[in-house]
Amino acid sequence: DSGRLQLSRRAGGLDPDDEAALASAASFAFENYDQAGTGPESLCSFVDACLGREHYVGAGAEVGLAVVRAIDAMYRSARSGRLEACAPGEGAGIVGGEAG
C-alpha cells in the first residue's frame, strides 16, 4: 500500500455510503517509481500507444470528454453562481474560453 483515499466534507462527518466506499478502497498502490524499474506504468502505456503497440487504456476519450465537460460546468457555475449542466448544448462554454 502506498496511498490512502480520504474524503472530507465541509459540513463534517460521513454518511454510511461514504464510509462503505472508503472501507472498500481504503488503500491502494501508486504506480511503480522504483529507481531500478522501467518507470510509471502510465508512461510506459503512453509510449506503447505512441509506438502502435498494445497498451493499457486507463481512461479513454469518452472519460476524458466527460471530465472536461464537468470541469467546464464547474467554471461556468462559479462564474454564474448557478447550477450548470455538464452536457453539451446551447450556452456550453470551453474552460478558459468564451461561452458559446
Protein backbone atom coordinates (compact mmCIF):
# COMPACT_ATOMS: atom_id res chain seq x y z
CA ASP A 1 0.00 0.00 0.00
CA SER A 2 1.36 3.38 -0.96
CA GLY A 3 -1.74 5.57 -0.84
CA ARG A 4 -4.96 6.16 1.02
CA LEU A 5 -8.30 7.55 -0.12
CA GLN A 6 -9.63 10.24 2.18
CA LEU A 7 -12.91 12.13 2.00
CA SER A 8 -13.59 15.37 3.84
CA ARG A 9 -16.89 17.17 3.82
CA ARG A 10 -17.28 20.84 4.62
CA ALA A 11 -20.21 20.03 6.91
CA GLY A 12 -18.17 17.30 8.60
CA GLY A 13 -18.98 13.66 9.15
CA LEU A 14 -19.64 10.91 6.64
CA ASP A 15 -22.86 9.18 5.71
CA PRO A 16 -22.99 5.33 5.70
CA ASP A 17 -22.46 5.15 1.90
CA ASP A 18 -19.28 7.23 2.20
CA GLU A 19 -17.97 5.03 4.99
CA ALA A 20 -18.64 1.86 2.96
CA ALA A 21 -16.92 3.27 -0.12
CA LEU A 22 -13.89 4.37 1.87
CA ALA A 23 -13.62 0.99 3.62
CA SER A 24 -13.59 -0.88 0.27
CA ALA A 25 -10.97 1.48 -1.23
CA ALA A 26 -9.04 2.27 1.93
CA SER A 27 -5.61 1.66 0.44
CA PHE A 28 -4.12 1.26 -2.99
CA ALA A 29 -0.76 1.13 -4.74
CA PHE A 30 0.53 4.07 -6.74
CA GLU A 31 2.49 3.49 -9.92
CA ASN A 32 5.93 1.92 -9.94
CA TYR A 33 8.53 4.58 -9.14
CA ASP A 34 11.29 2.14 -8.22
CA GLN A 35 14.67 3.54 -9.31
CA ALA A 36 15.61 0.19 -10.88
CA GLY A 37 12.26 -0.12 -12.67
CA THR A 38 11.15 0.97 -16.14
CA GLY A 39 9.11 3.90 -14.84
CA PRO A 40 5.45 4.57 -14.13
CA GLU A 41 3.09 2.18 -15.90
CA SER A 42 1.05 5.09 -17.28
CA LEU A 43 4.11 6.48 -19.04
CA CYS A 44 5.05 3.03 -20.37
CA SER A 45 1.50 2.62 -21.72
CA PHE A 46 1.66 6.07 -23.33
CA VAL A 47 4.93 5.18 -25.07
CA ASP A 48 3.48 1.84 -26.20
CA ALA A 49 0.42 3.65 -27.62
CA CYS A 50 2.62 6.14 -29.47
CA LEU A 51 4.56 3.23 -30.97
CA GLY A 52 1.37 1.44 -32.04
CA ARG A 53 1.82 -1.39 -29.55
CA GLU A 54 -0.84 -2.97 -27.36
CA HIS A 55 -1.33 -0.83 -24.26
CA TYR A 56 -3.50 -0.34 -21.20
CA VAL A 57 -6.15 2.37 -21.51
CA GLY A 58 -6.95 3.60 -18.00
CA ALA A 59 -9.37 6.28 -19.18
CA GLY A 60 -10.41 6.57 -22.80
CA ALA A 61 -11.56 9.54 -24.84
CA GLU A 62 -15.14 9.29 -23.53
CA VAL A 63 -13.98 9.59 -19.92
CA GLY A 64 -11.67 12.48 -20.84
CA LEU A 65 -14.53 14.32 -22.55
CA ALA A 66 -16.81 13.79 -19.54
CA VAL A 67 -14.11 15.18 -17.23
CA VAL A 68 -13.59 18.26 -19.42
CA ARG A 69 -17.37 18.83 -19.52
CA ALA A 70 -17.57 18.55 -15.72
CA ILE A 71 -14.69 20.99 -15.19
CA ASP A 72 -16.21 23.37 -17.74
CA ALA A 73 -19.54 23.25 -15.87
CA MET A 74 -17.73 23.97 -12.59
CA TYR A 75 -16.08 27.07 -14.05
CA ARG A 76 -19.36 28.25 -15.58
CA SER A 77 -21.15 27.64 -12.27
CA ALA A 78 -18.52 29.63 -10.36
CA ARG A 79 -18.93 32.48 -12.83
CA SER A 80 -22.75 32.45 -12.92
CA GLY A 81 -23.45 31.46 -9.32
CA ARG A 82 -25.98 28.90 -10.61
CA LEU A 83 -26.09 25.18 -11.22
CA GLU A 84 -24.76 24.49 -14.73
CA ALA A 85 -25.26 21.39 -16.88
CA CYS A 86 -22.31 19.16 -17.78
CA ALA A 87 -23.87 18.05 -21.05
CA PRO A 88 -23.01 19.88 -24.26
CA GLY A 89 -25.61 22.16 -25.72
CA GLU A 90 -26.84 25.70 -26.01
CA GLY A 91 -24.69 28.02 -23.93
CA ALA A 92 -22.00 25.46 -23.04
CA GLY A 93 -18.56 27.06 -22.89
CA ILE A 94 -14.99 25.93 -23.02
CA VAL A 95 -12.72 26.11 -19.96
CA GLY A 96 -10.73 29.33 -20.23
CA GLY A 97 -12.63 30.40 -23.35
CA GLU A 98 -15.76 32.27 -24.28
CA ALA A 99 -19.19 30.75 -23.69
CA GLY A 100 -20.62 29.58 -26.97
